């Protein structure tokens, strides 16, 4: 299995834009000729999720759910509820292991892995599910 190409350029001015253009210009044809055309995605830079979001999510939302919800006579920890909701609402991604096996893993809310907007959307989905399915309102 060949190494997968991934390059990101933060376009803060002319120099990074020129570097991006040079990279594309130098690599587009060779990759296309190998049957592996480059894909270029342009998006705005999203800030990393905030510590306040994490404190609210675990300290308020997960705490309230863990303290108030019983499922089939059992209560579950904040960590169990987080894993449940993360598997349900965060998009899965592929990960290639050193032995070449490709596995599907859930996305993470760790620093650098989710942006402010995506974390807000995820928290809203959890709050909605907590209210509608378990009667927990915050």
N, C-alpha and C. Protein backbone atom coordinates (compact mmCIF):
# COMPACT_ATOMS: atom_id res chain seq x y z
N UNK A 1 0.85 -1.17 0.00
CA UNK A 1 0.00 0.00 0.00
C UNK A 1 0.89 1.23 0.00
N UNK A 2 0.66 2.16 -0.90
CA UNK A 2 1.49 3.35 -0.98
C UNK A 2 1.03 4.38 0.04
N UNK A 3 1.96 5.28 0.38
CA UNK A 3 1.64 6.34 1.34
C UNK A 3 0.61 7.28 0.75
N UNK A 4 -0.35 7.67 1.56
CA UNK A 4 -1.41 8.56 1.09
C UNK A 4 -0.94 10.00 1.18
N UNK A 5 -1.18 10.76 0.14
CA UNK A 5 -0.79 12.17 0.09
C UNK A 5 -1.82 13.01 0.82
N UNK A 6 -1.35 13.89 1.68
CA UNK A 6 -2.23 14.87 2.33
C UNK A 6 -1.40 16.12 2.59
N UNK A 7 -1.78 17.22 1.99
CA UNK A 7 -1.10 18.51 2.21
C UNK A 7 -2.15 19.55 2.48
N UNK A 8 -1.89 20.39 3.46
CA UNK A 8 -2.77 21.51 3.76
C UNK A 8 -1.97 22.79 3.69
N UNK A 9 -2.58 23.82 3.17
CA UNK A 9 -1.97 25.14 3.08
C UNK A 9 -2.94 26.14 3.69
N UNK A 10 -2.48 26.91 4.67
CA UNK A 10 -3.29 27.97 5.26
C UNK A 10 -2.95 29.25 4.51
N UNK A 11 -3.88 29.74 3.73
CA UNK A 11 -3.63 30.86 2.83
C UNK A 11 -3.76 32.19 3.57
N UNK A 12 -2.67 32.58 4.24
CA UNK A 12 -2.65 33.82 5.01
C UNK A 12 -2.06 34.97 4.22
N UNK A 13 -1.63 34.71 3.01
CA UNK A 13 -1.02 35.75 2.18
C UNK A 13 -0.55 35.16 0.87
N UNK A 14 0.21 35.97 0.13
CA UNK A 14 0.65 35.55 -1.20
C UNK A 14 1.66 34.40 -1.17
N UNK A 15 2.56 34.38 -0.20
CA UNK A 15 3.59 33.33 -0.17
C UNK A 15 2.98 31.94 0.02
N UNK A 16 2.09 31.74 0.98
CA UNK A 16 1.48 30.40 1.09
C UNK A 16 0.64 30.04 -0.13
N UNK A 17 -0.03 31.04 -0.72
CA UNK A 17 -0.83 30.78 -1.93
C UNK A 17 0.07 30.34 -3.07
N UNK A 18 1.23 30.99 -3.20
CA UNK A 18 2.18 30.62 -4.25
C UNK A 18 2.73 29.21 -4.01
N UNK A 19 2.99 28.87 -2.75
CA UNK A 19 3.49 27.53 -2.42
C UNK A 19 2.45 26.47 -2.77
N UNK A 20 1.18 26.77 -2.47
CA UNK A 20 0.11 25.83 -2.80
C UNK A 20 0.03 25.64 -4.32
N UNK A 21 0.04 26.75 -5.05
CA UNK A 21 -0.06 26.68 -6.51
C UNK A 21 1.11 25.89 -7.08
N UNK A 22 2.32 26.11 -6.57
CA UNK A 22 3.49 25.40 -7.05
C UNK A 22 3.36 23.90 -6.79
N UNK A 23 2.86 23.54 -5.62
CA UNK A 23 2.67 22.13 -5.29
C UNK A 23 1.69 21.48 -6.25
N UNK A 24 0.55 22.14 -6.48
CA UNK A 24 -0.47 21.60 -7.39
C UNK A 24 0.10 21.49 -8.80
N UNK A 25 0.74 22.55 -9.26
CA UNK A 25 1.29 22.58 -10.61
C UNK A 25 2.33 21.47 -10.81
N UNK A 26 3.14 21.22 -9.80
CA UNK A 26 4.19 20.20 -9.91
C UNK A 26 3.68 18.77 -9.81
N UNK A 27 2.54 18.58 -9.17
CA UNK A 27 2.09 17.22 -8.88
C UNK A 27 0.82 16.79 -9.59
N UNK A 28 0.05 17.71 -10.13
CA UNK A 28 -1.24 17.35 -10.73
C UNK A 28 -1.08 16.35 -11.88
N UNK A 29 -0.22 16.63 -12.82
CA UNK A 29 -0.06 15.75 -13.98
C UNK A 29 0.48 14.37 -13.59
N UNK A 30 1.59 14.28 -12.80
CA UNK A 30 2.10 12.95 -12.45
C UNK A 30 1.07 12.07 -11.73
N UNK A 31 0.32 12.67 -10.82
CA UNK A 31 -0.70 11.89 -10.11
C UNK A 31 -1.82 11.47 -11.05
N UNK A 32 -2.26 12.37 -11.91
CA UNK A 32 -3.33 12.05 -12.87
C UNK A 32 -2.89 10.93 -13.81
N UNK A 33 -1.64 10.97 -14.25
CA UNK A 33 -1.13 9.94 -15.15
C UNK A 33 -1.06 8.57 -14.47
N UNK A 34 -0.92 8.55 -13.16
CA UNK A 34 -0.92 7.29 -12.40
C UNK A 34 -2.33 6.83 -12.08
N UNK A 35 -3.33 7.61 -12.52
CA UNK A 35 -4.71 7.27 -12.21
C UNK A 35 -5.13 7.67 -10.81
N UNK A 36 -4.37 8.57 -10.20
CA UNK A 36 -4.67 9.06 -8.85
C UNK A 36 -4.73 10.59 -8.88
N UNK A 37 -5.76 11.16 -9.51
CA UNK A 37 -5.81 12.62 -9.61
C UNK A 37 -5.88 13.28 -8.23
N UNK A 38 -5.29 14.45 -8.14
CA UNK A 38 -5.34 15.20 -6.88
C UNK A 38 -6.75 15.75 -6.67
N UNK A 39 -7.14 15.86 -5.43
CA UNK A 39 -8.41 16.50 -5.06
C UNK A 39 -8.06 17.76 -4.29
N UNK A 40 -8.60 18.89 -4.71
CA UNK A 40 -8.36 20.16 -4.04
C UNK A 40 -9.66 20.61 -3.38
N UNK A 41 -9.60 20.85 -2.08
CA UNK A 41 -10.76 21.31 -1.32
C UNK A 41 -10.39 22.65 -0.70
N UNK A 42 -11.25 23.63 -0.89
CA UNK A 42 -11.01 24.95 -0.31
C UNK A 42 -12.10 25.22 0.72
N UNK A 43 -11.70 25.58 1.92
CA UNK A 43 -12.65 25.85 2.99
C UNK A 43 -12.10 26.95 3.88
N UNK A 44 -12.97 27.55 4.67
CA UNK A 44 -12.48 28.55 5.61
C UNK A 44 -11.89 27.84 6.82
N UNK A 45 -10.95 28.49 7.47
CA UNK A 45 -10.29 27.92 8.64
C UNK A 45 -11.25 27.98 9.82
N UNK A 46 -11.49 26.84 10.44
CA UNK A 46 -12.35 26.82 11.62
C UNK A 46 -11.48 26.69 12.85
N UNK A 47 -11.81 27.46 13.86
CA UNK A 47 -11.06 27.38 15.10
C UNK A 47 -11.31 26.05 15.79
N UNK A 48 -10.29 25.60 16.52
CA UNK A 48 -10.41 24.38 17.30
C UNK A 48 -11.47 24.56 18.37
N UNK A 49 -12.08 23.47 18.76
CA UNK A 49 -13.10 23.54 19.81
C UNK A 49 -12.52 24.21 21.05
N UNK A 50 -13.38 24.83 21.82
CA UNK A 50 -12.95 25.61 22.97
C UNK A 50 -12.99 24.78 24.26
N UNK A 51 -12.12 25.11 25.18
CA UNK A 51 -12.12 24.44 26.48
C UNK A 51 -13.46 24.62 27.19
N UNK A 52 -14.08 25.81 27.00
CA UNK A 52 -15.39 26.05 27.61
C UNK A 52 -16.42 25.05 27.09
N UNK A 53 -16.33 24.71 25.80
CA UNK A 53 -17.25 23.74 25.22
C UNK A 53 -17.07 22.37 25.88
N UNK A 54 -15.83 21.98 26.10
CA UNK A 54 -15.55 20.68 26.72
C UNK A 54 -16.02 20.67 28.17
N UNK A 55 -15.75 21.76 28.90
CA UNK A 55 -16.20 21.83 30.29
C UNK A 55 -17.72 21.74 30.38
N UNK A 56 -18.42 22.42 29.49
CA UNK A 56 -19.89 22.37 29.48
C UNK A 56 -20.37 20.96 29.10
N UNK A 57 -19.77 20.40 28.07
CA UNK A 57 -20.18 19.08 27.59
C UNK A 57 -20.03 18.02 28.69
N UNK A 58 -18.83 17.93 29.28
CA UNK A 58 -18.61 16.90 30.30
C UNK A 58 -19.14 17.32 31.67
N UNK A 59 -18.94 18.58 32.06
CA UNK A 59 -19.30 19.03 33.39
C UNK A 59 -20.77 19.28 33.61
N UNK A 60 -21.50 19.56 32.54
CA UNK A 60 -22.93 19.84 32.66
C UNK A 60 -23.76 18.77 31.95
N UNK A 61 -23.54 18.62 30.65
CA UNK A 61 -24.38 17.73 29.84
C UNK A 61 -24.18 16.26 30.22
N UNK A 62 -22.96 15.77 30.13
CA UNK A 62 -22.71 14.36 30.45
C UNK A 62 -23.01 14.07 31.92
N UNK A 63 -22.68 15.01 32.80
CA UNK A 63 -22.96 14.82 34.23
C UNK A 63 -24.45 14.66 34.48
N UNK A 64 -25.26 15.54 33.88
CA UNK A 64 -26.72 15.47 34.07
C UNK A 64 -27.29 14.16 33.54
N UNK A 65 -26.81 13.74 32.39
CA UNK A 65 -27.30 12.48 31.81
C UNK A 65 -26.90 11.30 32.70
N UNK A 66 -25.63 11.25 33.10
CA UNK A 66 -25.14 10.14 33.93
C UNK A 66 -25.86 10.08 35.27
N UNK A 67 -26.19 11.23 35.82
CA UNK A 67 -26.85 11.25 37.14
C UNK A 67 -28.34 10.96 37.07
N UNK A 68 -28.98 11.20 35.94
CA UNK A 68 -30.44 11.14 35.88
C UNK A 68 -31.03 10.03 35.03
N UNK A 69 -30.25 9.42 34.17
CA UNK A 69 -30.82 8.44 33.25
C UNK A 69 -30.54 7.01 33.73
N UNK A 70 -31.60 6.23 33.73
CA UNK A 70 -31.53 4.80 34.01
C UNK A 70 -31.97 4.07 32.75
N UNK A 71 -31.21 3.07 32.35
CA UNK A 71 -31.57 2.24 31.19
C UNK A 71 -31.61 0.80 31.67
N UNK A 72 -32.79 0.20 31.57
CA UNK A 72 -33.00 -1.18 32.00
C UNK A 72 -32.45 -1.43 33.40
N UNK A 73 -32.77 -0.50 34.31
CA UNK A 73 -32.38 -0.66 35.70
C UNK A 73 -30.93 -0.32 36.02
N UNK A 74 -30.22 0.27 35.07
CA UNK A 74 -28.80 0.58 35.27
C UNK A 74 -28.51 2.04 35.00
N UNK A 75 -27.54 2.57 35.72
CA UNK A 75 -27.00 3.89 35.43
C UNK A 75 -25.64 3.69 34.77
N UNK A 76 -25.24 4.67 33.97
CA UNK A 76 -23.96 4.58 33.27
C UNK A 76 -23.12 5.82 33.54
N UNK A 77 -21.82 5.68 33.42
CA UNK A 77 -20.89 6.78 33.69
C UNK A 77 -20.92 7.83 32.58
N UNK A 78 -20.35 8.99 32.89
CA UNK A 78 -20.21 10.04 31.87
C UNK A 78 -19.44 9.51 30.67
N UNK A 79 -18.41 8.71 30.94
CA UNK A 79 -17.58 8.17 29.86
C UNK A 79 -18.38 7.22 28.97
N UNK A 80 -19.23 6.41 29.59
CA UNK A 80 -20.07 5.49 28.80
C UNK A 80 -21.05 6.27 27.93
N UNK A 81 -21.66 7.30 28.51
CA UNK A 81 -22.60 8.12 27.74
C UNK A 81 -21.88 8.86 26.62
N UNK A 82 -20.68 9.36 26.91
CA UNK A 82 -19.93 10.06 25.86
C UNK A 82 -19.64 9.11 24.70
N UNK A 83 -19.20 7.91 25.01
CA UNK A 83 -18.91 6.94 23.95
C UNK A 83 -20.17 6.62 23.15
N UNK A 84 -21.28 6.45 23.84
CA UNK A 84 -22.56 6.17 23.17
C UNK A 84 -22.92 7.28 22.18
N UNK A 85 -22.89 8.53 22.66
CA UNK A 85 -23.28 9.64 21.79
C UNK A 85 -22.25 9.90 20.70
N UNK A 86 -20.97 9.75 21.01
CA UNK A 86 -19.94 9.97 19.99
C UNK A 86 -20.10 8.97 18.85
N UNK A 87 -20.38 7.72 19.18
CA UNK A 87 -20.59 6.71 18.13
C UNK A 87 -21.83 7.02 17.31
N UNK A 88 -22.82 7.61 17.95
CA UNK A 88 -24.08 7.89 17.26
C UNK A 88 -24.00 9.14 16.39
N UNK A 89 -23.35 10.20 16.87
CA UNK A 89 -23.43 11.49 16.20
C UNK A 89 -22.15 11.98 15.52
N UNK A 90 -21.00 11.44 15.87
CA UNK A 90 -19.77 11.91 15.23
C UNK A 90 -19.46 11.03 14.02
N UNK A 91 -19.04 11.63 12.92
CA UNK A 91 -18.82 10.85 11.69
C UNK A 91 -17.62 9.91 11.83
N UNK A 92 -17.79 8.68 11.39
CA UNK A 92 -16.67 7.74 11.43
C UNK A 92 -15.64 8.07 10.35
N UNK A 93 -14.40 7.66 10.60
CA UNK A 93 -13.33 7.85 9.63
C UNK A 93 -12.55 6.55 9.49
N UNK A 94 -11.81 6.43 8.40
CA UNK A 94 -10.96 5.26 8.20
C UNK A 94 -9.59 5.53 8.79
N UNK A 95 -9.02 4.49 9.39
CA UNK A 95 -7.65 4.57 9.91
C UNK A 95 -6.90 3.36 9.38
N UNK A 96 -5.71 3.60 8.84
CA UNK A 96 -4.87 2.52 8.35
C UNK A 96 -3.89 2.14 9.46
N UNK A 97 -3.91 0.88 9.86
CA UNK A 97 -3.02 0.39 10.90
C UNK A 97 -1.68 0.01 10.29
N UNK A 98 -0.63 -0.11 11.12
CA UNK A 98 0.70 -0.44 10.58
C UNK A 98 0.75 -1.73 9.77
N UNK A 99 -0.13 -2.68 10.07
CA UNK A 99 -0.13 -3.93 9.30
C UNK A 99 -0.92 -3.83 8.01
N UNK A 100 -1.44 -2.61 7.70
CA UNK A 100 -2.18 -2.40 6.47
C UNK A 100 -3.68 -2.54 6.60
N UNK A 101 -4.13 -3.07 7.74
CA UNK A 101 -5.57 -3.20 7.94
C UNK A 101 -6.21 -1.82 8.02
N UNK A 102 -7.35 -1.67 7.38
CA UNK A 102 -8.11 -0.43 7.43
C UNK A 102 -9.29 -0.64 8.37
N UNK A 103 -9.38 0.19 9.40
CA UNK A 103 -10.46 0.07 10.37
C UNK A 103 -11.27 1.36 10.39
N UNK A 104 -12.51 1.24 10.77
CA UNK A 104 -13.39 2.40 10.92
C UNK A 104 -13.38 2.80 12.39
N UNK A 105 -13.08 4.06 12.65
CA UNK A 105 -13.08 4.58 14.02
C UNK A 105 -13.99 5.80 14.09
N UNK A 106 -14.52 6.06 15.25
CA UNK A 106 -15.36 7.24 15.40
C UNK A 106 -14.48 8.47 15.51
N UNK A 107 -15.04 9.59 15.14
CA UNK A 107 -14.32 10.86 15.25
C UNK A 107 -14.13 11.20 16.73
N UNK A 108 -13.24 12.13 16.99
CA UNK A 108 -12.89 12.49 18.35
C UNK A 108 -13.22 13.95 18.63
N UNK A 109 -13.42 14.27 19.91
CA UNK A 109 -13.58 15.67 20.29
C UNK A 109 -12.30 16.19 20.94
N UNK A 110 -11.21 15.46 20.77
CA UNK A 110 -9.93 15.89 21.33
C UNK A 110 -9.45 17.17 20.64
N UNK A 111 -8.57 17.88 21.31
CA UNK A 111 -8.00 19.11 20.76
C UNK A 111 -7.42 18.83 19.37
N UNK A 112 -7.75 19.69 18.44
CA UNK A 112 -7.26 19.56 17.08
C UNK A 112 -8.07 18.62 16.20
N UNK A 113 -9.05 17.95 16.77
CA UNK A 113 -9.83 16.98 16.00
C UNK A 113 -11.23 17.45 15.64
N UNK A 114 -11.71 18.51 16.29
CA UNK A 114 -13.07 19.01 16.02
C UNK A 114 -13.07 20.52 16.20
N UNK A 115 -13.80 21.20 15.33
CA UNK A 115 -13.86 22.65 15.39
C UNK A 115 -14.99 23.15 16.28
N UNK A 116 -15.02 24.46 16.47
CA UNK A 116 -16.02 25.10 17.33
C UNK A 116 -17.44 24.79 16.84
N UNK A 117 -17.68 24.98 15.55
CA UNK A 117 -19.04 24.75 15.02
C UNK A 117 -19.45 23.30 15.12
N UNK A 118 -18.54 22.39 14.77
CA UNK A 118 -18.86 20.97 14.83
C UNK A 118 -19.11 20.52 16.27
N UNK A 119 -18.34 21.05 17.22
CA UNK A 119 -18.56 20.70 18.62
C UNK A 119 -19.90 21.24 19.10
N UNK A 120 -20.26 22.44 18.67
CA UNK A 120 -21.57 23.01 19.05
C UNK A 120 -22.70 22.16 18.48
N UNK A 121 -22.56 21.75 17.23
CA UNK A 121 -23.60 20.92 16.59
C UNK A 121 -23.71 19.57 17.31
N UNK A 122 -22.59 18.98 17.62
CA UNK A 122 -22.58 17.70 18.33
C UNK A 122 -23.27 17.83 19.69
N UNK A 123 -22.93 18.87 20.44
CA UNK A 123 -23.54 19.08 21.75
C UNK A 123 -25.04 19.29 21.63
N UNK A 124 -25.47 20.03 20.61
CA UNK A 124 -26.91 20.23 20.38
C UNK A 124 -27.61 18.91 20.08
N UNK A 125 -26.97 18.04 19.30
CA UNK A 125 -27.56 16.73 19.00
C UNK A 125 -27.69 15.89 20.27
N UNK A 126 -26.67 15.93 21.11
CA UNK A 126 -26.71 15.18 22.37
C UNK A 126 -27.83 15.73 23.26
N UNK A 127 -27.93 17.06 23.37
CA UNK A 127 -28.97 17.67 24.20
C UNK A 127 -30.37 17.29 23.70
N UNK A 128 -30.55 17.30 22.39
CA UNK A 128 -31.86 16.95 21.82
C UNK A 128 -32.21 15.49 22.12
N UNK A 129 -31.26 14.61 21.96
CA UNK A 129 -31.50 13.19 22.25
C UNK A 129 -31.76 12.98 23.74
N UNK A 130 -30.99 13.66 24.58
CA UNK A 130 -31.19 13.53 26.03
C UNK A 130 -32.60 13.96 26.42
N UNK A 131 -33.09 15.03 25.81
CA UNK A 131 -34.43 15.53 26.14
C UNK A 131 -35.52 14.62 25.59
N UNK A 132 -35.41 14.23 24.32
CA UNK A 132 -36.49 13.47 23.69
C UNK A 132 -36.51 12.00 24.09
N UNK A 133 -35.35 11.39 24.25
CA UNK A 133 -35.30 9.96 24.54
C UNK A 133 -35.23 9.63 26.03
N UNK A 134 -34.65 10.56 26.82
CA UNK A 134 -34.41 10.24 28.23
C UNK A 134 -35.03 11.24 29.20
N UNK A 135 -35.66 12.28 28.69
CA UNK A 135 -36.33 13.25 29.55
C UNK A 135 -35.42 14.16 30.33
N UNK A 136 -34.17 14.27 29.92
CA UNK A 136 -33.21 15.14 30.61
C UNK A 136 -33.12 16.46 29.86
N UNK A 137 -33.49 17.54 30.53
CA UNK A 137 -33.37 18.87 29.93
C UNK A 137 -32.37 19.68 30.73
N UNK A 138 -31.61 20.46 30.01
CA UNK A 138 -30.55 21.25 30.64
C UNK A 138 -30.75 22.71 30.27
